[in-house]
């Protein structure tokens, strides 16, 4: 009987681990992120990196839960949980589910859409989401190129967004 060398055994172990990663997918390797929005919320919200004054979002029940305040601005100590690939879900405080868009979601469906991240000058890094249609997402993305966007509060911006 042919005996495997330590090098072959190590290569075999690494191959098995690699195949397991491919099979499971990256999203299963990191805890999911859940966003909780005020009932009836519509429009943008911002998650701002604020290591000194932001809230700590601990891992609880095997997920990170981000409670978005009424004013649409959540300051957190770290973006670490948001950086790696992860699954996302969202709901209103009362428990109503919010759609997370996939390739199956039509453009006219109101869903939680990731607009992106920005930083202006020495201002903190900010992640922007919009709860709206694809058209709302596109409008917010266009408006983010305006250098004054960081000064506009979600509450004021959302009043305008609803009218369009």
Protein backbone atom coordinates (compact mmCIF):
# COMPACT_ATOMS: atom_id res chain seq x y z
CA UNK A 1 0.00 0.00 0.00
CA UNK A 2 1.29 3.47 -0.93
CA UNK A 3 1.86 5.78 2.04
CA UNK A 4 1.26 9.54 1.65
CA UNK A 5 4.09 11.88 2.47
CA UNK A 6 3.51 14.82 4.88
CA UNK A 7 3.67 17.19 1.92
CA UNK A 8 0.92 15.30 0.10
CA UNK A 9 -1.21 15.12 3.25
CA UNK A 10 -0.84 18.88 3.75
CA UNK A 11 -1.75 19.52 0.10
CA UNK A 12 -4.78 17.24 0.42
CA UNK A 13 -5.97 19.07 3.58
CA UNK A 14 -5.57 22.47 1.91
CA UNK A 15 -7.46 21.27 -1.16
CA UNK A 16 -10.34 20.05 0.99
CA UNK A 17 -10.49 23.34 2.89
CA UNK A 18 -10.39 25.30 -0.39
CA UNK A 19 -13.21 23.22 -1.85
CA UNK A 20 -15.25 23.73 1.32
CA UNK A 21 -14.85 27.52 0.95
CA UNK A 22 -15.96 27.34 -2.68
CA UNK A 23 -18.95 25.17 -1.81
CA UNK A 24 -20.16 27.25 1.11
CA UNK A 25 -19.49 30.63 -0.46
CA UNK A 26 -17.98 33.67 1.21
CA UNK A 27 -21.27 35.04 2.54
CA UNK A 28 -21.57 32.20 5.01
CA UNK A 29 -18.17 32.88 6.53
CA UNK A 30 -19.12 36.23 8.07
CA UNK A 31 -22.03 37.02 10.39
CA UNK A 32 -25.07 38.52 8.67
CA UNK A 33 -26.02 42.19 9.04
CA UNK A 34 -29.60 43.21 9.86
CA UNK A 35 -30.89 46.78 9.54
CA UNK A 36 -33.88 47.93 11.58
CA UNK A 37 -35.60 51.09 10.30
CA UNK A 38 -38.31 53.23 11.86
CA UNK A 39 -41.82 52.25 10.77
CA UNK A 40 -42.78 53.98 7.53
CA UNK A 41 -39.22 55.11 6.81
CA UNK A 42 -38.48 56.07 3.20
CA UNK A 43 -35.38 57.58 1.65
CA UNK A 44 -31.73 57.72 2.58
CA UNK A 45 -29.95 56.93 5.79
CA UNK A 46 -26.30 57.31 6.64
CA UNK A 47 -23.99 55.16 8.72
CA UNK A 48 -21.09 57.34 9.81
CA UNK A 49 -17.76 56.11 11.14
CA UNK A 50 -17.24 57.79 14.53
CA UNK A 51 -14.67 55.87 16.63
CA UNK A 52 -14.95 58.29 19.58
CA UNK A 53 -18.69 58.91 19.92
CA UNK A 54 -20.30 56.19 17.83
CA UNK A 55 -22.17 53.22 19.21
CA UNK A 56 -20.62 49.80 19.43
CA UNK A 57 -22.63 47.22 17.48
CA UNK A 58 -21.99 43.86 19.12
CA UNK A 59 -22.53 40.46 17.58
CA UNK A 60 -25.80 39.22 19.08
CA UNK A 61 -27.69 36.05 18.14
CA UNK A 62 -25.04 35.44 15.45
CA UNK A 63 -25.72 38.69 13.58
CA UNK A 64 -24.97 42.41 13.72
CA UNK A 65 -28.09 44.54 14.11
CA UNK A 66 -27.98 48.21 13.13
CA UNK A 67 -30.88 50.23 14.57
CA UNK A 68 -31.37 53.28 12.36
CA UNK A 69 -32.68 56.29 14.31
CA UNK A 70 -35.60 58.47 13.18
CA UNK A 71 -33.22 61.16 11.87
CA UNK A 72 -31.56 58.66 9.52
CA UNK A 73 -28.04 59.05 10.93
CA UNK A 74 -26.33 56.23 12.80
CA UNK A 75 -22.84 56.85 14.12
CA UNK A 76 -20.84 53.70 14.84
CA UNK A 77 -17.39 53.02 16.24
CA UNK A 78 -16.27 50.64 13.50
CA UNK A 79 -17.11 49.54 9.98
CA UNK A 80 -15.41 46.16 10.60
CA UNK A 81 -18.64 44.12 10.48
CA UNK A 82 -19.71 45.86 7.27
CA UNK A 83 -16.45 45.35 5.37
CA UNK A 84 -16.32 41.62 4.59
CA UNK A 85 -18.86 39.85 2.40
CA UNK A 86 -22.00 39.15 4.41
CA UNK A 87 -25.69 38.49 4.01
CA UNK A 88 -28.03 41.40 4.65
CA UNK A 89 -31.61 41.66 5.82
CA UNK A 90 -33.80 44.53 6.90
CA UNK A 91 -37.09 45.15 8.67
CA UNK A 92 -39.18 47.92 10.15
CA UNK A 93 -39.24 48.20 13.95
CA UNK A 94 -42.73 46.69 13.99
CA UNK A 95 -41.31 43.62 12.22
CA UNK A 96 -42.42 44.21 8.63
CA UNK A 97 -39.84 42.85 6.22
CA UNK A 98 -37.94 45.17 3.88
CA UNK A 99 -36.85 43.81 0.51
CA UNK A 100 -33.13 43.50 -0.17
CA UNK A 101 -32.69 43.70 -3.95
CA UNK A 102 -31.39 40.79 -5.95
CA UNK A 103 -31.33 40.30 -9.68
CA UNK A 104 -34.95 39.10 -9.32
CA UNK A 105 -36.25 42.40 -7.86
CA UNK A 106 -37.87 44.78 -10.33
CA UNK A 107 -36.58 48.36 -10.53
CA UNK A 108 -39.91 49.82 -9.37
CA UNK A 109 -39.94 47.84 -6.10
CA UNK A 110 -39.14 49.78 -2.94
CA UNK A 111 -36.11 48.01 -1.47
CA UNK A 112 -33.08 48.74 0.70
CA UNK A 113 -30.37 49.68 -1.81
CA UNK A 114 -26.71 50.31 -1.02
CA UNK A 115 -25.69 53.62 -2.60
CA UNK A 116 -22.05 53.48 -1.58
CA UNK A 117 -19.48 55.07 0.66
CA UNK A 118 -17.96 58.52 0.58
CA UNK A 119 -15.70 60.82 2.51
CA UNK A 120 -15.22 64.53 1.88
CA UNK A 121 -12.01 66.22 3.05
CA UNK A 122 -11.38 65.43 6.68
CA UNK A 123 -15.01 64.41 7.32
CA UNK A 124 -15.64 60.85 8.48
CA UNK A 125 -16.33 57.97 6.13
CA UNK A 126 -20.04 57.57 5.49
CA UNK A 127 -22.03 54.69 4.03
CA UNK A 128 -25.31 55.68 2.37
CA UNK A 129 -28.36 53.49 1.80
CA UNK A 130 -31.69 54.38 0.24
CA UNK A 131 -34.99 52.69 0.91
CA UNK A 132 -36.64 53.31 -2.43
CA UNK A 133 -36.87 52.27 -6.06
CA UNK A 134 -33.98 51.93 -8.50
CA UNK A 135 -34.82 55.44 -9.75
CA UNK A 136 -34.43 56.78 -6.20
CA UNK A 137 -31.12 54.93 -5.89
CA UNK A 138 -29.86 56.44 -9.14
CA UNK A 139 -30.92 59.94 -8.06
CA UNK A 140 -29.15 59.63 -4.71
CA UNK A 141 -26.01 58.30 -6.40
CA UNK A 142 -26.04 61.28 -8.77
CA UNK A 143 -26.59 63.71 -5.89
CA UNK A 144 -23.66 62.20 -3.95
CA UNK A 145 -21.33 63.69 -6.53
CA UNK A 146 -22.43 67.11 -5.27
CA UNK A 147 -19.86 68.28 -2.72
CA UNK A 148 -22.60 69.69 -0.47
CA UNK A 149 -24.43 66.37 -0.11
CA UNK A 150 -22.64 65.57 3.15
CA UNK A 151 -24.20 68.69 4.72
CA UNK A 152 -27.78 67.73 3.89
CA UNK A 153 -29.52 65.73 6.59
CA UNK A 154 -31.45 62.62 5.55
CA UNK A 155 -34.65 64.16 6.93
CA UNK A 156 -34.44 67.18 4.61
CA UNK A 157 -33.24 65.13 1.62
CA UNK A 158 -36.01 62.57 2.08
CA UNK A 159 -38.73 65.24 1.99
CA UNK A 160 -37.49 66.23 -1.47
CA UNK A 161 -37.02 62.63 -2.58
CA UNK A 162 -40.67 61.76 -1.87
CA UNK A 163 -41.88 64.61 -4.06
CA UNK A 164 -39.94 63.48 -7.15
